[in-house]
Amino acid sequence: MKNDRKRTFMLITIPVLALFFVFNTLPLIKGVMYSFTNFKGYGSYDWVGLRNYIDLFQDARVGKSYLFTFKFALVGTIIVNVLSLIMALGLNSKIKFKSALRGIYFIPNILGGLVVGYIFGFIFTYILPAVGKAAGIGFLSSSWLSSTKWAWFAIVVVAAWQSIAMNTIIYISGLQTVPEDVYEAGSIDGATGWTKFKNLTFPLIMPFFSINMVLCMKNFLMAFDQIVALTKGGPAQSTESISYLIYQNGMSGGQFGFQSANAVIFFIVIVAISVFQLTFFGKKEEQL
């Protein structure tokens, strides 16, 4: 009986492992292999060793994309987590219709990134400029998407609007794990408002904050859908993220091998940042 149970678990596990290998591990291995070639995405190719990796550190366009991606991810992560935490505190309080509001606020998360991007593209291109001209507001009178100064922030707004929903749900889950006894004890000691949040609430939801920071940073570093829908990397390549550059030049620009090397480096960077965040926030949790 025990052996039959183990056999059943194996039969369930093996197909999943096979699918994971075919659609995840195998493409990763092939991508690493192509990063050492001059493969264009079609035809034959030659091995070039580390030349692609050396050229990456000398390519100004790649460097500019990394700077944009890091700036975009840092600002987006901060905005999303601040607003998500504020919304979670409000939706976790004793207010009417909070269940309905949670459902409404979660809608952006279930919409496709491209769909949201195209809708906001129309808003930024036509509606906001019209409102800006009518109200005499200078920085709204022209489309942000056509400005090298504001286009990146327009993408942050769209990505944040869509990301806040999931982060809010995670924060609400964390807030619901805080025992009421803690607040009652804090009230006796005179803890209210900011003091209550700083000394009681936030330390107890620190693990949820850590999860949100890691996931949010990772998702913003890999930004793609919003950029495709809103700017396609423009104007003047000012909003070209690493993911978009890899896709654009790798798939249609004849740089499959070179961009495969870029993808390998980018993968290492994301893993390194995630490990650093987990280590840093893990130490903070221990201190609290």
Protein backbone atom coordinates (compact mmCIF):
# COMPACT_ATOMS: atom_id res chain seq x y z
CA MET A 1 0.00 0.00 0.00
CA LYS A 2 2.82 2.33 0.92
CA ASN A 3 4.67 1.50 -2.30
CA ASP A 4 1.51 2.16 -4.36
CA ARG A 5 1.23 5.58 -2.77
CA LYS A 6 4.87 6.41 -3.59
CA ARG A 7 4.36 5.19 -7.15
CA THR A 8 1.30 7.45 -7.50
CA PHE A 9 3.27 10.46 -6.29
CA MET A 10 6.04 9.65 -8.77
CA LEU A 11 3.56 9.36 -11.64
CA ILE A 12 2.20 12.80 -10.72
CA THR A 13 5.64 14.37 -10.35
CA ILE A 14 7.39 13.03 -13.45
CA PRO A 15 5.10 14.70 -16.07
CA VAL A 16 5.38 18.02 -14.23
CA LEU A 17 9.18 17.76 -14.14
CA ALA A 18 9.22 16.83 -17.83
CA LEU A 19 7.10 19.85 -18.77
CA PHE A 20 9.24 22.12 -16.58
CA PHE A 21 12.40 20.84 -18.25
CA VAL A 22 11.04 21.20 -21.79
CA PHE A 23 9.57 24.68 -21.39
CA ASN A 24 11.94 26.19 -18.82
CA THR A 25 15.24 24.41 -18.29
CA LEU A 26 15.91 23.40 -21.90
CA PRO A 27 15.34 26.93 -23.34
CA LEU A 28 17.62 28.30 -20.59
CA ILE A 29 20.38 25.86 -21.54
CA LYS A 30 19.93 26.65 -25.25
CA GLY A 31 20.01 30.38 -24.52
CA VAL A 32 23.28 30.06 -22.62
CA MET A 33 24.70 28.02 -25.49
CA TYR A 34 23.66 30.61 -28.11
CA SER A 35 25.25 33.37 -26.02
CA PHE A 36 28.66 32.03 -27.09
CA THR A 37 27.77 32.19 -30.80
CA ASN A 38 27.04 34.79 -33.48
CA PHE A 39 23.64 33.21 -34.17
CA LYS A 40 21.24 35.63 -35.89
CA GLY A 41 18.09 33.67 -35.13
CA TYR A 42 18.24 31.76 -38.40
CA GLY A 43 20.77 29.94 -40.55
CA SER A 44 24.18 28.73 -39.46
CA TYR A 45 26.37 30.21 -36.75
CA ASP A 46 29.91 30.13 -35.43
CA TRP A 47 31.26 29.97 -31.90
CA VAL A 48 32.71 33.29 -30.77
CA GLY A 49 33.57 32.50 -27.17
CA LEU A 50 33.25 35.42 -24.75
CA ARG A 51 33.09 38.11 -27.45
CA ASN A 52 29.36 38.78 -26.90
CA TYR A 53 29.91 39.27 -23.18
CA ILE A 54 32.85 41.60 -23.77
CA ASP A 55 30.87 43.63 -26.32
CA LEU A 56 27.99 43.97 -23.84
CA PHE A 57 30.13 46.05 -21.49
CA GLN A 58 31.17 48.29 -24.38
CA ASP A 59 27.70 48.86 -25.86
CA ALA A 60 26.30 52.29 -24.92
CA ARG A 61 22.74 51.28 -25.80
CA VAL A 62 22.85 48.32 -23.41
CA GLY A 63 24.27 50.53 -20.65
CA LYS A 64 21.53 53.11 -21.19
CA SER A 65 18.88 50.38 -21.03
CA TYR A 66 20.25 49.09 -17.74
CA LEU A 67 20.22 52.59 -16.24
CA PHE A 68 16.61 53.13 -17.33
CA THR A 69 15.55 49.71 -16.04
CA PHE A 70 17.12 50.25 -12.60
CA LYS A 71 15.64 53.75 -12.28
CA PHE A 72 12.23 52.52 -13.38
CA ALA A 73 12.30 49.52 -11.02
CA LEU A 74 13.47 51.53 -8.00
CA VAL A 75 10.90 54.30 -8.37
CA GLY A 76 8.11 51.87 -9.24
CA THR A 77 8.85 49.61 -6.28
CA ILE A 78 8.80 52.50 -3.82
CA ILE A 79 5.56 53.97 -5.20
CA VAL A 80 3.75 50.63 -5.33
CA ASN A 81 4.69 49.54 -1.81
CA VAL A 82 3.87 52.89 -0.21
CA LEU A 83 0.47 53.13 -1.88
CA SER A 84 -0.28 49.43 -1.39
CA LEU A 85 0.43 49.62 2.32
CA ILE A 86 -1.76 52.71 2.73
CA MET A 87 -4.61 51.04 0.82
CA ALA A 88 -4.22 47.83 2.81
CA LEU A 89 -4.45 49.73 6.10
CA GLY A 90 -7.64 51.39 4.88
CA LEU A 91 -9.21 48.20 3.53
CA ASN A 92 -8.33 46.30 6.70
CA SER A 93 -10.04 48.84 8.95
CA LYS A 94 -13.66 48.74 10.04
CA ILE A 95 -15.28 50.44 7.05
CA LYS A 96 -18.43 49.67 5.08
CA PHE A 97 -18.26 47.72 1.81
CA LYS A 98 -14.59 46.81 2.34
CA SER A 99 -15.08 43.38 0.71
CA ALA A 100 -16.57 44.99 -2.39
CA LEU A 101 -13.79 47.59 -2.48
CA ARG A 102 -11.14 44.87 -2.27
CA GLY A 103 -12.69 43.21 -5.31
CA ILE A 104 -12.87 46.49 -7.24
CA TYR A 105 -9.28 47.42 -6.44
CA PHE A 106 -8.10 43.97 -7.57
CA ILE A 107 -9.55 44.37 -11.09
CA PRO A 108 -6.39 46.00 -12.58
CA ASN A 109 -4.39 42.89 -11.71
CA ILE A 110 -6.58 40.56 -13.76
CA LEU A 111 -6.40 42.75 -16.89
CA GLY A 112 -3.76 42.04 -19.52
CA GLY A 113 -0.71 44.29 -19.49
CA LEU A 114 -1.03 45.11 -23.19
CA VAL A 115 -4.74 45.97 -22.86
CA VAL A 116 -4.03 48.30 -19.93
CA GLY A 117 -1.12 49.83 -21.80
CA TYR A 118 -3.17 50.62 -24.91
CA ILE A 119 -5.96 52.17 -22.82
CA PHE A 120 -3.53 54.38 -20.92
CA GLY A 121 -1.77 55.18 -24.20
CA PHE A 122 -5.02 56.73 -25.44
CA ILE A 123 -5.42 58.62 -22.15
CA PHE A 124 -1.88 60.02 -22.22
CA THR A 125 -2.02 60.87 -25.92
CA TYR A 126 -5.45 62.48 -26.21
CA ILE A 127 -7.38 62.91 -22.95
CA LEU A 128 -4.71 64.34 -20.61
CA PRO A 129 -3.38 66.88 -23.20
CA ALA A 130 -6.94 68.07 -23.84
CA VAL A 131 -7.54 68.47 -20.10
CA GLY A 132 -4.18 70.19 -19.68
CA LYS A 133 -4.89 72.71 -22.44
CA ALA A 134 -8.39 73.41 -21.14
CA ALA A 135 -7.13 73.92 -17.58
CA GLY A 136 -3.99 75.79 -18.62
CA ILE A 137 -1.67 73.20 -17.03
CA GLY A 138 1.57 73.33 -18.96
CA PHE A 139 3.11 69.91 -18.27
CA LEU A 140 -0.18 68.18 -19.17
CA SER A 141 -0.71 70.10 -22.42
CA SER A 142 1.35 67.65 -24.46
CA SER A 143 1.57 63.87 -24.36
CA TRP A 144 3.98 62.51 -21.76
CA LEU A 145 4.69 59.59 -24.08
CA SER A 146 6.33 61.92 -26.62
CA SER A 147 8.62 63.49 -24.02
CA THR A 148 12.02 62.01 -23.21
CA LYS A 149 11.66 63.62 -19.78
CA TRP A 150 8.23 62.25 -18.79
CA ALA A 151 7.68 59.09 -20.84
CA TRP A 152 9.37 56.85 -18.26
CA PHE A 153 7.16 58.22 -15.49
CA ALA A 154 4.04 57.57 -17.57
CA ILE A 155 5.10 53.91 -17.77
CA VAL A 156 5.69 53.88 -14.00
CA VAL A 157 2.14 55.19 -13.46
CA VAL A 158 0.63 52.43 -15.61
CA ALA A 159 2.76 49.64 -14.16
CA ALA A 160 2.12 50.83 -10.60
CA TRP A 161 -1.64 51.10 -11.18
CA GLN A 162 -1.67 47.46 -12.23
CA SER A 163 0.75 46.17 -9.57
CA ILE A 164 -0.78 47.84 -6.52
CA ALA A 165 -3.70 45.36 -6.42
CA MET A 166 -1.65 42.23 -5.71
CA ASN A 167 0.65 43.98 -3.25
CA THR A 168 -2.38 45.32 -1.39
CA ILE A 169 -3.84 41.82 -1.04
CA ILE A 170 -0.54 40.53 0.37
CA TYR A 171 -0.39 43.41 2.87
CA ILE A 172 -3.99 42.78 3.90
CA SER A 173 -3.09 39.14 4.51
CA GLY A 174 -0.24 40.30 6.72
CA LEU A 175 -2.38 42.76 8.65
CA GLN A 176 -4.94 40.06 9.38
CA THR A 177 -2.25 37.97 11.10
CA VAL A 178 -1.63 40.71 13.68
CA PRO A 179 -3.42 39.71 16.94
CA GLU A 180 -5.88 42.19 18.40
CA ASP A 181 -4.19 41.62 21.78
CA VAL A 182 -1.14 43.46 20.47
CA TYR A 183 -3.16 46.57 19.69
CA GLU A 184 -4.97 46.38 23.01
CA ALA A 185 -1.65 46.20 24.87
CA GLY A 186 -0.33 49.06 22.74
CA SER A 187 -3.36 51.20 23.53
CA ILE A 188 -2.74 50.73 27.24
CA ASP A 189 0.81 52.00 26.70
CA GLY A 190 -0.55 55.00 24.78
CA ALA A 191 0.41 53.86 21.25
CA THR A 192 -1.71 55.62 18.62
CA GLY A 193 -1.44 56.68 14.99
CA TRP A 194 2.09 56.66 13.57
CA THR A 195 3.62 55.29 16.79
CA LYS A 196 1.20 52.34 16.68
CA PHE A 197 2.08 51.60 13.06
CA LYS A 198 5.84 52.02 13.50
CA ASN A 199 6.27 50.02 16.69
CA LEU A 200 3.48 47.43 16.44
CA THR A 201 2.02 46.95 12.96
CA PHE A 202 5.04 47.26 10.69
CA PRO A 203 7.41 44.94 12.65
CA LEU A 204 4.73 42.22 12.63
CA ILE A 205 4.09 42.47 8.88
CA MET A 206 7.78 42.73 7.99
CA PRO A 207 7.85 39.27 6.31
CA PHE A 208 5.02 40.38 4.00
CA PHE A 209 6.85 43.64 3.28
CA SER A 210 9.95 41.63 2.33
CA ILE A 211 7.96 39.43 -0.06
CA ASN A 212 6.36 42.46 -1.71
CA MET A 213 9.69 44.26 -2.12
CA VAL A 214 11.37 41.26 -3.75
CA LEU A 215 8.48 40.42 -6.08
CA CYS A 216 7.84 44.05 -6.98
CA MET A 217 11.48 44.77 -7.80
CA LYS A 218 11.72 41.61 -9.89
CA ASN A 219 8.55 42.42 -11.84
CA PHE A 220 9.59 46.01 -12.52
CA LEU A 221 13.07 44.95 -13.64
CA MET A 222 11.39 42.65 -16.17
CA ALA A 223 8.97 45.33 -17.44
CA PHE A 224 7.90 44.58 -20.99
CA ASP A 225 4.15 44.70 -21.75
CA GLN A 226 3.64 48.33 -20.72
CA ILE A 227 6.65 49.48 -22.75
CA VAL A 228 5.48 47.61 -25.86
CA ALA A 229 1.99 49.12 -25.59
CA LEU A 230 2.98 52.68 -24.64
CA THR A 231 6.30 53.72 -26.17
CA LYS A 232 8.06 50.77 -27.86
CA GLY A 233 11.24 51.98 -26.20
CA GLY A 234 10.94 55.57 -27.40
CA PRO A 235 11.16 58.44 -27.72
CA ALA A 236 14.83 58.27 -28.73
CA GLN A 237 15.27 54.95 -26.85
CA SER A 238 14.67 56.76 -23.54
CA THR A 239 12.29 54.05 -22.23
CA GLU A 240 14.03 50.97 -23.60
CA SER A 241 14.16 48.37 -20.85
CA ILE A 242 16.50 45.39 -20.91
CA SER A 243 13.65 42.95 -21.57
CA TYR A 244 12.41 45.02 -24.51
CA LEU A 245 15.93 45.43 -25.93
CA ILE A 246 16.53 41.67 -25.73
CA TYR A 247 13.25 40.99 -27.50
CA GLN A 248 13.53 43.72 -30.12
CA ASN A 249 17.12 43.17 -31.23
CA GLY A 250 17.23 39.47 -30.50
CA MET A 251 14.09 38.44 -32.36
CA SER A 252 14.02 40.91 -35.23
CA GLY A 253 17.38 42.67 -35.13
CA GLY A 254 19.65 39.78 -36.05
CA GLN A 255 21.40 39.79 -32.66
CA PHE A 256 20.09 36.54 -31.21
CA GLY A 257 23.47 35.41 -29.90
CA PHE A 258 24.43 38.83 -28.56
CA GLN A 259 21.07 39.35 -26.85
CA SER A 260 21.21 35.81 -25.44
CA ALA A 261 24.39 36.89 -23.66
CA ASN A 262 22.53 40.00 -22.50
CA ALA A 263 19.72 37.79 -21.17
CA VAL A 264 22.19 35.62 -19.25
CA ILE A 265 23.77 38.68 -17.61
CA PHE A 266 20.35 40.12 -16.86
CA PHE A 267 19.26 36.83 -15.27
CA ILE A 268 22.34 36.88 -13.03
CA VAL A 269 21.65 40.53 -12.10
CA ILE A 270 18.03 39.78 -11.12
CA VAL A 271 19.05 36.76 -9.05
CA ALA A 272 21.80 38.78 -7.32
CA ILE A 273 19.40 41.63 -6.50
CA SER A 274 16.76 39.20 -5.20
CA VAL A 275 19.30 37.37 -3.01
CA PHE A 276 20.58 40.70 -1.66
CA GLN A 277 17.03 41.82 -0.85
CA LEU A 278 16.16 38.54 0.87
CA THR A 279 19.37 38.66 2.92
CA PHE A 280 18.93 42.34 3.83
CA PHE A 281 15.26 42.07 4.79
CA GLY A 282 15.90 38.77 6.56
CA LYS A 283 18.38 40.52 8.86
CA LYS A 284 15.87 43.33 9.44
CA GLU A 285 13.20 40.79 10.43
CA GLU A 286 15.59 39.25 12.96
CA GLN A 287 16.35 42.68 14.43
CA LEU A 288 12.65 43.45 14.80
